């Protein structure tokens, strides 16, 4: 489906868009600055009262902590004031959509945005007076508004490099490869076949963790679906190999891929046309997630739950994201009638933390698990999600605790 030519994506805010909120207008930037100032004022006021009570009670230790908090609050206020001044003095620019003629007034720092009227991607760049022309990607059909003087652009959806001239986009390369599924002739750099949707070898080997959130936000729902497929397609093979007892990072990296897959699916289901395929990918993601839990449990058992650097531990946000995807899918009678979705439990592990002091006042936070029941919970959750994944893990020698070795009947 070409973005902007058929069904529009829904305007619901996804977890990724909430986390990566973009300040597009001067009003947005001013609001963000005022929020920072408000946080600083709140810290100063609250801890200022704490200092007064602590001083009267003779609690010198608490007084010192509160003073440090007040200093942090003052820093917040200063930073917010600087942001406020910058937001006020920076000029705006007018970006006119070449497809529907809607004019957007945004800050001069905005390099890309979606048209509020027709939802096409607009790329004004950093120009103060952008003049945009509408072009169509010759591979995937995505409509993009680009600067009239821009010589080339890469499609965020399919990765085709295009040369631009006279309002027309043409593939920059003439080298072609055949789609492995339908045989269609494809540019060698594209990530999926526009005819059948099959991922190309180039698309299959994409490192989804290397794609920044800003780039993921620029994709259409259809391209987000392909990114989720790439994540899941790479996740399972990465898990189906021998467990390396000291490689916690490899297990946690797989969970980060789960997060990208879930967030990409939530972006994809903004368009109802993607519901059926998203449900299919979600089933495969459940299998991969079950394997990832088995892998994490096996590593934790093998290393006797020794300590790990806190920066290696991901937040388990994907559970909420995945639930949001399910809620969207079950609004469709067709999907609800054909697919059964299992809930994911959020709090499977609670890490304990401790700081280790180093040279020159540096410190590193380490975390660990000292409760075997939590590790057992990983295997239990995996068994509930996918008995097939548990059986495969056991075949590969990933040993669960004795009481958890048999898949559920």
Protein backbone atom coordinates (compact mmCIF):
# COMPACT_ATOMS: atom_id res chain seq x y z
CA UNK A 1 0.00 0.00 0.00
CA UNK A 2 1.39 3.43 -0.88
CA UNK A 3 1.25 5.84 2.01
CA UNK A 4 -1.19 8.67 1.48
CA UNK A 5 -2.90 7.02 -1.50
CA UNK A 6 -5.27 4.64 0.30
CA UNK A 7 -6.10 4.19 3.98
CA UNK A 8 -4.64 6.73 6.38
CA UNK A 9 -2.79 5.75 9.48
CA UNK A 10 -4.67 6.38 12.70
CA UNK A 11 -3.58 9.35 14.79
CA UNK A 12 -3.24 7.37 18.03
CA UNK A 13 -0.01 8.02 19.90
CA UNK A 14 2.18 4.94 20.19
CA UNK A 15 4.69 4.15 22.92
CA UNK A 16 7.55 5.06 20.58
CA UNK A 17 6.00 8.44 19.75
CA UNK A 18 5.35 9.20 23.41
CA UNK A 19 8.93 8.38 24.35
CA UNK A 20 10.45 10.20 21.38
CA UNK A 21 8.24 13.29 21.51
CA UNK A 22 9.33 15.91 18.98
CA UNK A 23 9.00 19.66 19.57
CA UNK A 24 7.90 20.87 16.13
CA UNK A 25 6.59 24.35 16.89
CA UNK A 26 7.77 27.27 18.97
CA UNK A 27 4.84 26.57 21.30
CA UNK A 28 6.04 22.96 21.79
CA UNK A 29 9.56 24.17 22.62
CA UNK A 30 8.28 26.80 25.04
CA UNK A 31 6.07 24.23 26.77
CA UNK A 32 9.00 21.82 27.16
CA UNK A 33 11.15 24.61 28.64
CA UNK A 34 8.42 25.61 31.08
CA UNK A 35 8.04 21.99 32.18
CA UNK A 36 11.78 21.85 32.94
CA UNK A 37 11.53 25.09 34.93
CA UNK A 38 8.51 23.73 36.82
CA UNK A 39 10.46 20.59 37.78
CA UNK A 40 13.27 22.76 39.12
CA UNK A 41 10.90 24.98 41.10
CA UNK A 42 9.19 21.91 42.54
CA UNK A 43 12.51 20.40 43.67
CA UNK A 44 13.67 23.66 45.24
CA UNK A 45 10.36 24.24 47.04
CA UNK A 46 9.97 20.68 48.32
CA UNK A 47 13.55 20.19 49.44
CA UNK A 48 13.74 23.72 50.79
CA UNK A 49 10.97 22.80 53.23
CA UNK A 50 12.87 19.56 53.96
CA UNK A 51 16.01 21.55 54.81
CA UNK A 52 14.07 23.73 57.22
CA UNK A 53 12.60 20.75 59.07
CA UNK A 54 15.88 18.80 59.01
CA UNK A 55 17.82 21.78 60.40
CA UNK A 56 15.36 22.20 63.24
CA UNK A 57 15.53 18.47 64.00
CA UNK A 58 19.32 18.44 63.86
CA UNK A 59 19.42 15.89 61.01
CA UNK A 60 22.67 16.98 59.35
CA UNK A 61 22.81 14.03 56.94
CA UNK A 62 19.34 14.69 55.53
CA UNK A 63 20.12 18.41 55.37
CA UNK A 64 23.14 17.73 53.14
CA UNK A 65 21.10 15.48 50.83
CA UNK A 66 18.34 18.10 50.61
CA UNK A 67 20.86 20.85 49.82
CA UNK A 68 22.23 18.74 46.96
CA UNK A 69 18.65 18.28 45.72
CA UNK A 70 18.07 22.04 45.84
CA UNK A 71 21.21 22.59 43.77
CA UNK A 72 19.91 20.09 41.21
CA UNK A 73 16.60 21.94 41.17
CA UNK A 74 18.36 25.24 40.53
CA UNK A 75 20.27 23.64 37.65
CA UNK A 76 16.95 22.47 36.18
CA UNK A 77 15.63 26.03 36.44
CA UNK A 78 18.70 27.49 34.72
CA UNK A 79 18.57 24.93 31.92
CA UNK A 80 14.85 25.56 31.46
CA UNK A 81 15.37 29.31 31.30
CA UNK A 82 18.06 28.92 28.65
CA UNK A 83 15.75 26.63 26.66
CA UNK A 84 12.93 29.16 27.03
CA UNK A 85 15.05 32.05 25.73
CA UNK A 86 16.25 29.98 22.76
CA UNK A 87 12.68 28.87 21.98
CA UNK A 88 11.44 32.47 22.01
CA UNK A 89 14.17 33.98 19.84
CA UNK A 90 14.46 31.17 17.25
CA UNK A 91 12.47 31.94 14.09
CA UNK A 92 9.74 29.85 12.47
CA UNK A 93 9.54 28.60 8.91
CA UNK A 94 6.55 27.85 6.71
CA UNK A 95 6.43 24.38 5.15
CA UNK A 96 3.84 23.97 2.39
CA UNK A 97 2.81 20.42 1.57
CA UNK A 98 3.20 19.89 -2.20
CA UNK A 99 0.37 17.33 -2.22
CA UNK A 100 -2.49 19.11 -0.41
CA UNK A 101 -1.12 22.69 -0.08
CA UNK A 102 -1.51 22.65 3.71
CA UNK A 103 0.92 25.13 5.28
CA UNK A 104 2.71 24.16 8.49
CA UNK A 105 4.39 26.73 10.70
CA UNK A 106 7.24 24.98 12.48
CA UNK A 107 10.52 25.87 14.15
CA UNK A 108 13.52 26.44 11.92
CA UNK A 109 15.22 23.40 13.52
CA UNK A 110 12.65 20.94 12.11
CA UNK A 111 14.17 18.81 9.34
CA UNK A 112 11.17 16.52 8.77
CA UNK A 113 7.49 16.21 9.68
CA UNK A 114 4.26 14.56 8.64
CA UNK A 115 1.62 16.67 6.93
CA UNK A 116 -1.26 17.22 9.35
CA UNK A 117 -3.74 17.07 6.48
CA UNK A 118 -2.68 14.23 4.15
CA UNK A 119 -0.08 12.50 6.39
CA UNK A 120 2.67 12.44 3.77
CA UNK A 121 6.29 12.67 4.89
CA UNK A 122 7.79 16.13 4.31
CA UNK A 123 11.53 16.75 4.24
CA UNK A 124 12.14 20.53 4.35
CA UNK A 125 15.67 20.09 5.72
CA UNK A 126 17.26 22.98 7.59
CA UNK A 127 16.32 25.60 4.99
CA UNK A 128 14.66 28.74 6.40
CA UNK A 129 12.48 29.10 3.27
CA UNK A 130 11.82 25.56 2.04
CA UNK A 131 10.15 24.97 -1.31
CA UNK A 132 8.94 21.38 -1.57
CA UNK A 133 7.99 19.22 -4.52
CA UNK A 134 6.14 15.93 -4.33
CA UNK A 135 7.91 12.80 -5.54
CA UNK A 136 6.95 9.14 -5.52
CA UNK A 137 9.39 6.36 -4.72
CA UNK A 138 9.60 4.28 -7.91
CA UNK A 139 9.99 1.07 -5.88
CA UNK A 140 7.49 1.13 -3.00
CA UNK A 141 5.26 4.00 -4.16
CA UNK A 142 5.65 6.14 -1.06
CA UNK A 143 4.83 9.83 -1.59
CA UNK A 144 7.42 12.23 -0.13
CA UNK A 145 7.66 16.01 -0.13
CA UNK A 146 11.30 17.01 -0.68
CA UNK A 147 13.21 20.24 -1.14
CA UNK A 148 13.08 21.38 -4.78
CA UNK A 149 16.86 21.83 -4.85
CA UNK A 150 17.65 18.44 -3.31
CA UNK A 151 19.67 16.29 -5.77
CA UNK A 152 18.98 12.91 -4.16
CA UNK A 153 17.20 11.17 -1.30
CA UNK A 154 16.96 7.70 0.23
CA UNK A 155 13.46 6.32 0.81
CA UNK A 156 12.95 5.70 4.53
CA UNK A 157 10.55 2.87 3.76
CA UNK A 158 12.38 0.67 1.26
CA UNK A 159 15.96 2.08 1.32
CA UNK A 160 16.00 2.90 -2.40
CA UNK A 161 18.52 5.62 -3.30
CA UNK A 162 16.82 8.06 -5.67
CA UNK A 163 18.18 10.84 -7.85
CA UNK A 164 15.80 13.80 -8.15
CA UNK A 165 15.35 16.00 -11.22
CA UNK A 166 12.39 18.06 -12.47
CA UNK A 167 10.13 16.69 -9.73
CA UNK A 168 10.83 13.09 -10.73
CA UNK A 169 12.53 10.40 -8.66
CA UNK A 170 14.60 7.74 -10.39
CA UNK A 171 16.66 4.87 -8.97
CA UNK A 172 20.23 6.06 -8.57
CA UNK A 173 21.59 2.62 -9.45
CA UNK A 174 20.88 0.44 -12.46
CA UNK A 175 22.08 -2.80 -10.84
CA UNK A 176 19.27 -5.29 -10.23
CA UNK A 177 18.75 -8.55 -8.33
CA UNK A 178 15.83 -10.98 -8.48
CA UNK A 179 13.35 -11.37 -5.61
CA UNK A 180 13.94 -14.76 -4.00
CA UNK A 181 10.20 -15.40 -3.80
CA UNK A 182 8.50 -13.99 -6.91
CA UNK A 183 11.48 -13.27 -9.17
CA UNK A 184 10.71 -9.56 -9.64
CA UNK A 185 13.67 -7.36 -10.61
CA UNK A 186 14.74 -5.27 -7.61
CA UNK A 187 17.32 -2.61 -6.88
CA UNK A 188 20.07 -4.36 -4.94
CA UNK A 189 19.79 -1.94 -1.99
CA UNK A 190 16.06 -2.23 -1.27
CA UNK A 191 14.88 -4.04 1.85
CA UNK A 192 11.74 -5.72 0.55
CA UNK A 193 10.00 -6.64 -2.67
CA UNK A 194 7.18 -4.26 -3.53
CA UNK A 195 5.39 -7.02 -5.48
CA UNK A 196 5.12 -9.77 -2.85
CA UNK A 197 6.45 -8.12 0.35
CA UNK A 198 9.31 -10.64 0.75
CA UNK A 199 12.35 -9.34 2.62
CA UNK A 200 15.44 -9.15 0.42
CA UNK A 201 18.83 -10.47 1.60
CA UNK A 202 19.78 -6.84 2.19
CA UNK A 203 16.67 -6.27 4.30
CA UNK A 204 17.07 -9.51 6.26
CA UNK A 205 20.52 -8.63 7.53
CA UNK A 206 19.60 -5.17 8.82
CA UNK A 207 20.68 -4.64 12.44
CA UNK A 208 17.41 -3.36 13.89
CA UNK A 209 19.14 -2.16 17.07
CA UNK A 210 21.31 0.19 15.01
CA UNK A 211 18.29 2.03 13.58
CA UNK A 212 17.71 5.20 15.59
CA UNK A 213 14.25 6.06 16.86
CA UNK A 214 14.13 9.15 14.64
CA UNK A 215 14.54 6.96 11.55
CA UNK A 216 11.90 4.51 12.77
CA UNK A 217 9.42 7.35 13.25
CA UNK A 218 9.82 8.42 9.62
CA UNK A 219 8.66 5.05 8.32
CA UNK A 220 5.11 4.42 7.15
CA UNK A 221 3.00 1.74 8.89
CA UNK A 222 3.74 -0.70 6.05
CA UNK A 223 7.49 -0.21 6.40
CA UNK A 224 7.21 -0.59 10.17
CA UNK A 225 5.57 -3.96 9.54
CA UNK A 226 8.57 -5.00 7.43
CA UNK A 227 10.95 -3.81 10.17
CA UNK A 228 9.07 -5.93 12.73
CA UNK A 229 9.39 -8.90 10.38
CA UNK A 230 13.13 -8.27 10.06
CA UNK A 231 13.48 -8.15 13.84
CA UNK A 232 11.62 -11.43 14.35
CA UNK A 233 13.37 -13.11 11.43
CA UNK A 234 16.76 -12.27 13.00
CA UNK A 235 15.69 -12.98 16.58
CA UNK A 236 14.99 -16.71 16.39
CA UNK A 237 18.21 -17.75 14.57
CA UNK A 238 20.23 -15.70 17.07
CA UNK A 239 18.67 -17.73 19.88
CA UNK A 240 18.96 -21.16 18.31
CA UNK A 241 22.61 -21.76 19.06
CA UNK A 242 24.69 -23.00 21.96
CA UNK A 243 24.34 -21.08 25.23
CA UNK A 244 27.53 -19.29 26.22
CA UNK A 245 27.38 -19.17 30.04
CA UNK A 246 29.21 -15.85 30.36
CA UNK A 247 27.31 -14.08 27.60
CA UNK A 248 24.49 -12.31 29.41
CA UNK A 249 24.71 -9.47 26.92
CA UNK A 250 23.74 -11.76 24.04
CA UNK A 251 20.59 -12.81 25.91
CA UNK A 252 19.70 -9.23 26.83
CA UNK A 253 20.37 -8.06 23.28
CA UNK A 254 17.73 -10.53 22.10
CA UNK A 255 15.25 -8.94 24.50
CA UNK A 256 16.08 -5.52 23.06
CA UNK A 257 15.25 -6.92 19.61
CA UNK A 258 11.91 -8.07 21.06
CA UNK A 259 11.30 -4.47 22.10
CA UNK A 260 12.02 -3.11 18.61
CA UNK A 261 9.74 -5.74 17.07
CA UNK A 262 6.88 -4.88 19.44
CA UNK A 263 7.26 -1.12 18.90
CA UNK A 264 7.39 -1.61 15.12
CA UNK A 265 4.22 -3.70 15.24
CA UNK A 266 2.46 -0.96 17.19
CA UNK A 267 3.51 1.53 14.51
CA UNK A 268 2.28 -0.90 11.84
CA UNK A 269 -1.21 -1.41 13.31
CA UNK A 270 -1.90 2.30 13.04
CA UNK A 271 -3.19 1.14 9.64
CA UNK A 272 -5.96 -1.48 9.75
CA UNK A 273 -4.75 -2.93 6.44
CA UNK A 274 -1.78 -4.39 8.34
CA UNK A 275 -3.80 -6.19 11.04
CA UNK A 276 -3.75 -9.68 9.52
CA UNK A 277 -0.02 -9.69 8.81
CA UNK A 278 0.75 -8.10 12.19
CA UNK A 279 -1.15 -10.93 13.91
CA UNK A 280 0.94 -13.47 11.98
CA UNK A 281 4.20 -11.76 12.97
CA UNK A 282 3.03 -11.43 16.58
CA UNK A 283 2.63 -15.21 16.82
CA UNK A 284 6.23 -15.64 15.67
CA UNK A 285 7.33 -12.96 18.13
CA UNK A 286 5.70 -14.92 20.98
CA UNK A 287 7.77 -17.95 20.00
CA UNK A 288 10.95 -15.83 19.88
CA UNK A 289 10.16 -14.21 23.21
CA UNK A 290 9.67 -17.62 24.83
CA UNK A 291 13.06 -18.69 23.49
CA UNK A 292 14.62 -15.45 24.77
CA UNK A 293 13.26 -16.08 28.27
CA UNK A 294 14.62 -19.64 28.17
CA UNK A 295 17.98 -18.33 27.01
CA UNK A 296 18.13 -15.68 29.75
CA UNK A 297 17.17 -18.23 32.39
CA UNK A 298 19.83 -20.66 31.16
CA UNK A 299 22.53 -17.97 31.27
CA UNK A 300 21.51 -16.82 34.74
CA UNK A 301 21.59 -20.40 36.03
CA UNK A 302 24.96 -21.10 34.40
CA UNK A 303 26.54 -17.98 35.91
CA UNK A 304 24.94 -18.54 39.33
CA UNK A 305 23.25 -15.13 39.03
CA UNK A 306 26.48 -13.16 39.44
CA UNK A 307 26.48 -9.40 39.14
CA UNK A 308 26.16 -7.46 35.87
CA UNK A 309 26.66 -3.83 34.95
CA UNK A 310 23.40 -1.96 35.26
CA UNK A 311 23.74 -0.38 31.81
CA UNK A 312 23.39 -3.86 30.29
CA UNK A 313 19.89 -4.36 31.70
CA UNK A 314 16.97 -3.33 29.46
CA UNK A 315 13.65 -1.97 30.68
CA UNK A 316 10.83 -4.44 30.09
CA UNK A 317 8.66 -1.93 28.23
CA UNK A 318 7.89 -4.35 25.41
CA UNK A 319 5.22 -6.06 27.53
CA UNK A 320 3.08 -2.90 27.58
CA UNK A 321 3.80 -2.24 23.90
CA UNK A 322 2.82 -5.74 22.89
CA UNK A 323 -0.41 -5.44 24.90
CA UNK A 324 -1.25 -2.24 23.02
CA UNK A 325 -0.79 -4.13 19.73
CA UNK A 326 -3.10 -6.91 20.91
CA UNK A 327 -5.77 -4.41 21.95
CA UNK A 328 -5.69 -2.92 18.46
CA UNK A 329 -5.86 -6.30 16.76
CA UNK A 330 -8.82 -7.62 18.76
CA UNK A 331 -10.95 -4.68 17.59
CA UNK A 332 -11.14 -6.59 14.30
CA UNK A 333 -13.72 -9.36 14.34
CA UNK A 334 -11.73 -11.29 11.74
CA UNK A 335 -8.51 -11.22 13.79
CA UNK A 336 -10.26 -11.93 17.10
CA UNK A 337 -12.00 -14.94 15.62
CA UNK A 338 -8.87 -16.49 14.10
CA UNK A 339 -6.11 -15.65 16.62
CA UNK A 340 -5.69 -16.32 20.33
CA UNK A 341 -3.22 -14.03 22.07
CA UNK A 342 -1.54 -14.90 25.36
CA UNK A 343 -0.75 -12.15 27.86
CA UNK A 344 2.87 -11.49 28.75
CA UNK A 345 3.69 -11.02 32.43
CA UNK A 346 5.63 -7.84 33.10
CA UNK A 347 7.48 -8.35 36.37
CA UNK A 348 9.46 -11.53 35.82
CA UNK A 349 12.75 -10.28 37.27
CA UNK A 350 13.58 -7.75 39.95
CA UNK A 351 17.24 -6.84 39.96
CA UNK A 352 19.11 -5.84 43.12
CA UNK A 353 21.69 -3.09 42.66
CA UNK A 354 24.84 -1.87 44.36
CA UNK A 355 27.44 0.72 43.40
CA UNK A 356 31.13 -0.14 43.21
CA UNK A 357 33.47 2.79 43.78
CA UNK A 358 36.42 3.15 41.41
CA UNK A 359 39.39 5.42 40.93
CA UNK A 360 39.02 9.21 40.86
CA UNK A 361 35.58 9.02 42.41
CA UNK A 362 34.02 7.03 39.56
CA UNK A 363 31.40 4.43 40.34
CA UNK A 364 29.68 1.61 38.50
CA UNK A 365 26.25 0.24 39.34
CA UNK A 366 25.99 -3.55 39.32
CA UNK A 367 22.80 -5.59 39.47
CA UNK A 368 22.11 -9.22 40.22
CA UNK A 369 19.37 -11.75 41.05
CA UNK A 370 19.67 -13.77 44.22
CA UNK A 371 16.22 -15.35 44.15
CA UNK A 372 16.12 -18.70 42.28
CA UNK A 373 12.32 -18.44 42.09
CA UNK A 374 12.63 -15.50 39.72
CA UNK A 375 14.83 -17.54 37.41
CA UNK A 376 12.31 -20.39 37.56
CA UNK A 377 9.65 -17.85 36.62
CA UNK A 378 11.40 -17.22 33.31
CA UNK A 379 11.05 -20.88 32.35
CA UNK A 380 7.45 -20.97 33.57
CA UNK A 381 6.52 -17.93 31.48
CA UNK A 382 8.26 -19.44 28.44
CA UNK A 383 6.28 -22.67 28.86
CA UNK A 384 2.98 -20.76 28.99
CA UNK A 385 3.86 -18.77 25.87
CA UNK A 386 5.15 -21.61 23.69
CA UNK A 387 5.58 -25.28 24.50
CA UNK A 388 7.31 -25.60 21.10
CA UNK A 389 9.95 -23.06 22.14
CA UNK A 390 10.57 -24.90 25.41
CA UNK A 391 10.98 -28.20 23.57
CA UNK A 392 13.42 -26.60 21.14
CA UNK A 393 15.42 -25.07 24.00
CA UNK A 394 15.64 -28.43 25.75
CA UNK A 395 16.78 -30.02 22.49
CA UNK A 396 19.57 -27.43 22.37
CA UNK A 397 20.58 -28.24 25.94
CA UNK A 398 19.19 -25.19 27.74
CA UNK A 399 18.53 -26.79 31.11
CA UNK A 400 15.63 -25.48 33.18
CA UNK A 401 15.30 -26.17 36.93
CA UNK A 402 14.28 -29.77 37.56
CA UNK A 403 10.68 -28.94 38.39
CA UNK A 404 10.31 -26.91 35.18
CA UNK A 405 11.74 -29.26 32.56
CA UNK A 406 8.52 -30.62 31.11
CA UNK A 407 6.37 -28.50 28.80
CA UNK A 408 2.76 -28.04 29.77
CA UNK A 409 0.42 -30.67 28.40
